[in-house]
Amino acid sequence: MACKKEGRYVQNNTQRFAQRFPLWFRGHEQQSWKLLPSLLRLKLGENLAAEVSEDFLRHSFLARGELNMPTRSYDWRAVQQHFGAPTYNLDWSEGYVVALRFALKQFNDDVEESIEQEMRKACCEPVLWVLSPVVLNSCVYDRLCGEGPIEQLAVGDKLLCQGLSKQMEDKTRWFSAAFCRHQEVNGLINLSAINLERLEMGQQKFDSLVKKELYNPFFWMIAQFFIDGVQVQARWKVPPLAIIPPYHTKRIEKQRGVFTQFPAYKLEEGTDFAMERHADATKYLAKIILNDPERIAWELNMSGENQLSAMFPDH
C-alpha cells in the first residue's frame, strides 16, 4: 500500500514495540486533526464546567439507552463515544483495516459521487495513527510515580505518601513483570475489573491493602484519577490510559473498539493535551501518512474490506 512514515513520531518505534506488544490503530481524514477526545475539544473551545457538562451529557444519553446497556458511568463512556456523544475517551481499533476505513471514508464505494464529494476527496490528507497501548500505560505508570499525583491522593497522610512512593518504585512487581512472564497478560487496563474489586473490598479495605503492599498501588491510583475523576495537573504530564472495555454494543464489537481515556485535566490556557503533544509521545505513537489514498482505497475495495456501512450495525 502507498504510504510513508512521519519521522517525528516513528523513529523505529513501530518495529521495536510491535515485536512484543499489541498495536492499536486510528484513522484520520486530515493530518491536522489532533488526537484529542471530543469532550476535551469542547471544553478547550468553550470552557465548559468539567464535571457538570459530562454528567448532563451522560444523563441525556442514558435516557435513550437500552436495558442491556452498562450500569457504570465509565463503561457508558465507551458506548457514548461510539454513538457520537462527547466523552473523555478517544476510540481506537485493534484492526488496522477498521482505522483505514475511517481515514479513507471519502473514497469508499458507499459514498455517492458528486462535485462536492470530489472536492472533499481533493482536500483529504489521510493518516493512520499507530499506538502501542502497553508502552502508553507504562508511561502512565511512570508519570503517576511523581510527587504531585501521590501527594494529591495521600491528602496530608505522610505515611501513605511515603508508602506509595516506595511501592511504585518497584515497577517490575506491579506492572512490567506481569506481561514479561505471561503472554496472555498484556499490560492493558479494564476499569470495570478495578472498580468491581474496590466495591467488593469496600473503600477502607481497598485503601488498607494498598498501605500493606497487598494490592497493586497502580490500580489504586487509576481508580482515583480515571474512575473517580480526581483532577490531574498539566505539569504532571500524565498521558491518557489505554483501556479495554466490555463489548456492550454490536458496533463496538464490529469495530474491535478499544479506547484511550483522558483524565480530568485541570484546564490551563495554552496547554495542548493532544496525545501527540505529550512528552512521551515518541515512545508509543507512530504516524503513517497515506500519500496515495485513492490507490489504498481501491485496494481495500478490491479485497472487499472497505464497506464502511458494515461497521455501523444498529446496536
Protein backbone atom coordinates (compact mmCIF):
# COMPACT_ATOMS: atom_id res chain seq x y z
CA MET A 1 0.00 0.00 0.00
CA ALA A 2 1.17 3.54 -0.74
CA CYS A 3 2.12 5.28 2.46
CA LYS A 4 5.01 6.94 4.20
CA LYS A 5 6.02 7.39 7.83
CA GLU A 6 6.48 10.72 9.52
CA GLY A 7 9.89 10.65 11.20
CA ARG A 8 8.97 12.75 14.20
CA TYR A 9 6.76 10.01 15.64
CA VAL A 10 8.19 6.83 14.20
CA GLN A 11 11.96 6.75 14.86
CA ASN A 12 11.94 2.94 14.50
CA ASN A 13 9.42 2.71 17.37
CA THR A 14 6.89 0.71 15.36
CA GLN A 15 9.38 -2.08 14.67
CA ARG A 16 10.57 -2.07 18.28
CA PHE A 17 7.24 -2.19 20.11
CA ALA A 18 5.41 -4.29 17.50
CA GLN A 19 7.65 -7.25 18.26
CA ARG A 20 6.31 -7.74 21.79
CA PHE A 21 3.10 -5.81 22.31
CA PRO A 22 -0.30 -5.42 20.63
CA LEU A 23 -0.89 -2.40 18.40
CA TRP A 24 -3.98 -0.19 18.12
CA PHE A 25 -4.95 1.93 15.14
CA ARG A 26 -6.87 5.14 14.42
CA GLY A 27 -7.56 6.76 11.06
CA HIS A 28 -7.91 10.49 10.42
CA GLU A 29 -9.06 12.12 7.19
CA GLN A 30 -6.78 15.09 7.86
CA GLN A 31 -3.22 15.29 9.16
CA SER A 32 -4.13 18.40 11.12
CA TRP A 33 -6.69 16.60 13.30
CA LYS A 34 -5.42 16.17 16.85
CA LEU A 35 -5.56 13.04 18.99
CA LEU A 36 -7.91 14.74 21.41
CA PRO A 37 -11.27 13.41 22.70
CA SER A 38 -14.45 15.26 21.82
CA LEU A 39 -15.28 16.44 25.34
CA LEU A 40 -11.83 17.99 25.81
CA ARG A 41 -12.18 19.73 22.44
CA LEU A 42 -15.47 21.19 23.68
CA LYS A 43 -14.02 22.27 27.00
CA LEU A 44 -10.93 23.86 25.50
CA GLY A 45 -13.07 25.65 22.93
CA GLU A 46 -15.98 26.70 25.16
CA ASN A 47 -14.53 26.45 28.69
CA LEU A 48 -17.40 24.24 29.89
CA ALA A 49 -17.57 23.21 33.55
CA ALA A 50 -15.86 19.80 33.51
CA GLU A 51 -17.88 17.67 35.92
CA VAL A 52 -21.30 19.20 35.26
CA SER A 53 -21.15 19.02 31.47
CA GLU A 54 -20.12 15.34 31.41
CA ASP A 55 -22.85 14.40 33.88
CA PHE A 56 -25.57 16.14 31.89
CA LEU A 57 -24.34 14.65 28.62
CA ARG A 58 -24.35 11.17 30.14
CA HIS A 59 -27.81 11.57 31.66
CA SER A 60 -29.23 12.68 28.33
CA PHE A 61 -27.64 9.68 26.61
CA LEU A 62 -28.84 7.23 29.29
CA ALA A 63 -32.42 8.35 28.77
CA ARG A 64 -32.29 6.82 25.29
CA GLY A 65 -30.32 3.72 26.28
CA GLU A 66 -31.37 0.10 26.26
CA LEU A 67 -31.99 -2.37 29.08
CA ASN A 68 -28.87 -4.39 28.32
CA MET A 69 -26.59 -1.37 28.47
CA PRO A 70 -23.88 -0.93 31.16
CA THR A 71 -24.62 0.28 34.67
CA ARG A 72 -21.36 2.12 35.47
CA SER A 73 -20.53 5.62 34.22
CA TYR A 74 -17.04 4.65 32.99
CA ASP A 75 -18.50 1.83 30.85
CA TRP A 76 -21.15 4.18 29.47
CA ARG A 77 -18.36 6.37 28.09
CA ALA A 78 -17.41 3.63 25.64
CA VAL A 79 -21.00 3.34 24.39
CA GLN A 80 -21.44 7.12 24.22
CA GLN A 81 -18.20 7.50 22.28
CA HIS A 82 -19.23 5.02 19.60
CA PHE A 83 -22.56 6.78 19.11
CA GLY A 84 -21.05 10.25 18.79
CA ALA A 85 -21.65 11.74 22.26
CA PRO A 86 -18.76 13.83 23.69
CA THR A 87 -16.61 11.96 26.26
CA TYR A 88 -13.06 11.85 27.61
CA ASN A 89 -12.47 8.71 25.52
CA LEU A 90 -10.65 8.55 22.20
CA ASP A 91 -11.57 5.45 20.25
CA TRP A 92 -9.07 3.16 18.56
CA SER A 93 -9.34 -0.23 16.88
CA GLU A 94 -7.38 -3.44 17.30
CA GLY A 95 -7.64 -3.83 13.50
CA TYR A 96 -5.79 -1.56 11.07
CA VAL A 97 -8.39 -2.12 8.33
CA VAL A 98 -11.08 -0.52 10.51
CA ALA A 99 -8.86 2.54 11.02
CA LEU A 100 -8.10 2.73 7.30
CA ARG A 101 -11.82 2.69 6.54
CA PHE A 102 -12.31 5.80 8.67
CA ALA A 103 -9.27 7.57 7.25
CA LEU A 104 -10.39 6.85 3.68
CA LYS A 105 -14.16 7.09 4.07
CA GLN A 106 -14.38 9.83 1.41
CA PHE A 107 -13.04 7.26 -1.08
CA ASN A 108 -15.39 4.47 -0.01
CA ASP A 109 -17.66 2.72 -2.51
CA ASP A 110 -20.62 3.50 -0.22
CA VAL A 111 -20.18 7.27 -0.74
CA GLU A 112 -22.29 8.81 -3.50
CA GLU A 113 -20.25 10.59 -6.18
CA SER A 114 -20.85 14.32 -6.62
CA ILE A 115 -18.92 17.52 -7.29
CA GLU A 116 -18.89 18.25 -3.54
CA GLN A 117 -17.57 14.76 -2.87
CA GLU A 118 -14.77 15.18 -5.39
CA MET A 119 -13.80 18.43 -3.68
CA ARG A 120 -13.72 16.69 -0.29
CA LYS A 121 -11.50 13.97 -1.76
CA ALA A 122 -9.12 16.57 -3.14
CA CYS A 123 -8.79 18.17 0.30
CA CYS A 124 -8.16 14.89 2.16
CA GLU A 125 -4.77 14.35 3.80
CA PRO A 126 -5.43 10.99 5.49
CA VAL A 127 -3.17 9.45 8.12
CA LEU A 128 -3.06 6.23 10.10
CA TRP A 129 -2.04 6.56 13.74
CA VAL A 130 -0.42 3.51 15.35
CA LEU A 131 -0.36 3.18 19.14
CA SER A 132 1.41 0.77 21.47
CA PRO A 133 -1.10 0.69 24.36
CA VAL A 134 1.22 -1.24 26.67
CA VAL A 135 4.04 1.27 26.26
CA LEU A 136 1.49 4.06 26.80
CA ASN A 137 0.34 2.50 30.08
CA SER A 138 3.94 2.06 31.12
CA CYS A 139 4.38 5.83 30.64
CA VAL A 140 1.21 6.48 32.67
CA TYR A 141 2.73 4.40 35.48
CA ASP A 142 5.96 6.40 35.37
CA ARG A 143 4.12 9.73 35.46
CA LEU A 144 1.90 8.68 38.36
CA CYS A 145 5.05 7.87 40.34
CA GLY A 146 5.77 11.58 40.58
CA GLU A 147 5.40 13.55 43.78
CA GLY A 148 2.42 15.55 42.56
CA PRO A 149 -0.06 12.69 41.90
CA ILE A 150 0.92 10.76 45.04
CA GLU A 151 0.76 13.82 47.31
CA GLN A 152 -2.66 14.77 45.96
CA LEU A 153 -4.10 11.33 46.65
CA ALA A 154 -2.44 10.96 50.04
CA VAL A 155 -4.14 14.21 51.20
CA GLY A 156 -1.70 15.03 54.01
CA ASP A 157 -1.17 11.41 55.10
CA LYS A 158 2.64 11.38 55.24
CA LEU A 159 2.87 7.64 55.88
CA LEU A 160 0.61 6.81 52.95
CA CYS A 161 2.56 9.21 50.74
CA GLN A 162 5.88 7.62 51.68
CA GLY A 163 4.46 4.12 51.33
CA LEU A 164 3.04 4.78 47.86
CA SER A 165 6.28 6.35 46.67
CA LYS A 166 8.27 3.36 47.88
CA GLN A 167 5.88 0.80 46.38
CA MET A 168 5.64 2.50 42.99
CA GLU A 169 9.43 2.34 42.65
CA ASP A 170 9.09 -1.44 42.25
CA LYS A 171 7.66 -1.32 38.73
CA THR A 172 8.75 -4.88 37.95
CA ARG A 173 6.40 -6.10 40.67
CA TRP A 174 3.34 -4.01 39.87
CA PHE A 175 3.48 -3.61 36.10
CA SER A 176 6.42 -4.76 33.96
CA ALA A 177 6.91 -8.31 35.22
CA ALA A 178 3.31 -9.30 34.59
CA PHE A 179 3.45 -9.19 30.80
CA CYS A 180 7.08 -10.31 30.67
CA ARG A 181 6.25 -13.65 32.27
CA HIS A 182 2.84 -14.37 30.75
CA GLN A 183 1.91 -13.76 27.11
CA GLU A 184 -1.80 -13.60 27.88
CA VAL A 185 -1.24 -10.73 30.37
CA ASN A 186 -0.52 -7.69 28.24
CA GLY A 187 -0.46 -4.62 30.48
CA LEU A 188 -3.87 -3.30 29.39
CA ILE A 189 -6.43 -1.97 31.85
CA ASN A 190 -10.10 -2.80 32.41
CA LEU A 191 -11.69 -0.14 34.61
CA SER A 192 -14.71 -2.34 35.33
CA ALA A 193 -12.48 -5.00 36.91
CA ILE A 194 -10.64 -2.47 39.08
CA ASN A 195 -13.86 -0.86 40.31
CA LEU A 196 -15.52 -4.23 40.93
CA GLU A 197 -12.61 -5.23 43.17
CA ARG A 198 -12.90 -1.93 45.01
CA LEU A 199 -16.65 -2.36 45.55
CA GLU A 200 -16.22 -5.95 46.77
CA MET A 201 -13.50 -4.94 49.24
CA GLY A 202 -15.06 -1.72 50.42
CA GLN A 203 -13.15 1.55 50.19
CA GLN A 204 -11.47 1.25 53.61
CA LYS A 205 -10.16 -2.26 52.96
CA PHE A 206 -9.14 -1.19 49.45
CA ASP A 207 -7.00 1.62 50.92
CA SER A 208 -5.71 -0.58 53.74
CA LEU A 209 -4.46 -3.31 51.39
CA VAL A 210 -2.53 -0.71 49.42
CA LYS A 211 -0.83 0.51 52.60
CA LYS A 212 0.07 -3.09 53.48
CA GLU A 213 1.51 -3.69 49.98
CA LEU A 214 -1.12 -6.36 49.31
CA TYR A 215 -2.86 -4.59 46.42
CA ASN A 216 -1.45 -3.05 43.26
CA PRO A 217 -0.88 0.69 44.00
CA PHE A 218 -1.04 1.46 40.26
CA PHE A 219 -4.63 0.16 40.15
CA TRP A 220 -5.40 2.12 43.32
CA MET A 221 -4.20 5.34 41.67
CA ILE A 222 -6.05 4.55 38.43
CA ALA A 223 -9.27 4.20 40.46
CA GLN A 224 -8.84 7.76 41.75
CA PHE A 225 -7.73 9.53 38.58
CA PHE A 226 -9.52 7.58 35.83
CA ILE A 227 -12.71 6.36 37.57
CA ASP A 228 -13.41 8.93 40.29
CA GLY A 229 -12.20 11.85 38.20
CA VAL A 230 -9.71 13.38 40.64
CA GLN A 231 -8.21 16.35 38.79
CA VAL A 232 -4.84 15.96 37.08
CA GLN A 233 -2.43 18.90 36.86
CA ALA A 234 -0.99 19.63 33.41
CA ARG A 235 2.55 19.90 34.83
CA TRP A 236 2.45 16.23 35.83
CA LYS A 237 2.40 15.30 32.11
CA VAL A 238 0.16 12.26 32.69
CA PRO A 239 -0.96 10.85 29.32
CA PRO A 240 -4.30 9.10 28.75
CA LEU A 241 -4.72 5.48 29.81
CA ALA A 242 -5.19 2.59 27.33
CA ILE A 243 -8.30 0.66 28.40
CA ILE A 244 -10.15 -2.39 27.08
CA PRO A 245 -13.94 -2.13 27.54
CA PRO A 246 -16.58 -4.87 27.54
CA TYR A 247 -18.39 -5.19 24.19
CA HIS A 248 -21.68 -3.62 25.30
CA THR A 249 -22.83 -2.99 21.72
CA LYS A 250 -22.51 -4.75 18.37
CA ARG A 251 -20.96 -1.59 16.99
CA ILE A 252 -18.02 -1.68 19.43
CA GLU A 253 -17.57 -5.40 18.74
CA LYS A 254 -17.70 -4.93 14.96
CA GLN A 255 -15.16 -2.13 15.07
CA ARG A 256 -12.97 -4.06 17.57
CA GLY A 257 -13.20 -0.94 19.68
CA VAL A 258 -10.69 -0.03 22.38
CA PHE A 259 -10.02 3.35 23.97
CA THR A 260 -7.59 5.76 25.45
CA GLN A 261 -9.28 7.55 28.34
CA PHE A 262 -8.06 11.03 29.20
CA PRO A 263 -8.10 12.05 32.87
CA ALA A 264 -9.87 15.16 34.13
CA TYR A 265 -7.08 17.60 33.36
CA LYS A 266 -7.03 20.98 35.04
CA LEU A 267 -7.65 23.20 32.03
CA GLU A 268 -4.95 25.82 31.69
CA GLU A 269 -4.67 28.39 28.95
CA GLY A 270 -2.17 27.46 26.26
CA THR A 271 -1.83 23.80 27.30
CA ASP A 272 -2.14 21.25 24.49
CA PHE A 273 -3.49 17.94 25.79
CA ALA A 274 -3.44 16.13 22.42
CA MET A 275 -1.74 12.73 22.68
CA GLU A 276 0.89 13.56 20.07
CA ARG A 277 1.95 16.61 22.12
CA HIS A 278 2.65 14.69 25.32
CA ALA A 279 6.25 14.47 26.50
CA ASP A 280 6.46 10.68 25.99
CA ALA A 281 4.59 10.53 22.66
CA THR A 282 7.53 9.28 20.60
CA LYS A 283 7.70 6.19 22.81
CA TYR A 284 4.20 4.91 21.97
CA LEU A 285 2.89 6.72 18.87
CA ALA A 286 3.62 6.39 15.15
CA LYS A 287 2.02 8.48 12.41
CA ILE A 288 1.79 6.99 8.91
CA ILE A 289 0.86 9.38 6.10
CA LEU A 290 -1.31 7.78 3.41
CA ASN A 291 0.12 9.62 0.43
CA ASP A 292 -1.87 7.76 -2.26
CA PRO A 293 -5.31 7.43 -0.60
CA GLU A 294 -7.20 6.65 -3.81
CA ARG A 295 -4.94 3.68 -4.53
CA ILE A 296 -5.18 2.37 -0.97
CA ALA A 297 -8.98 2.71 -1.01
CA TRP A 298 -9.08 0.90 -4.37
CA GLU A 299 -7.05 -1.97 -2.94
CA LEU A 300 -9.41 -2.20 0.05
CA ASN A 301 -12.43 -2.12 -2.25
CA MET A 302 -10.99 -4.87 -4.45
CA SER A 303 -10.39 -7.03 -1.39
CA GLY A 304 -13.94 -6.42 -0.11
CA GLU A 305 -12.56 -4.72 3.01
CA ASN A 306 -13.85 -1.19 2.52
CA GLN A 307 -17.59 -1.34 3.22
CA LEU A 308 -17.86 1.41 5.84
CA SER A 309 -21.57 0.74 6.42
CA ALA A 310 -20.72 -2.75 7.73
CA MET A 311 -19.12 -1.19 10.79
CA PHE A 312 -22.30 0.57 11.88
CA PRO A 313 -24.85 -2.08 12.89
CA ASP A 314 -27.97 -0.71 14.57
CA HIS A 315 -26.84 -1.71 18.08
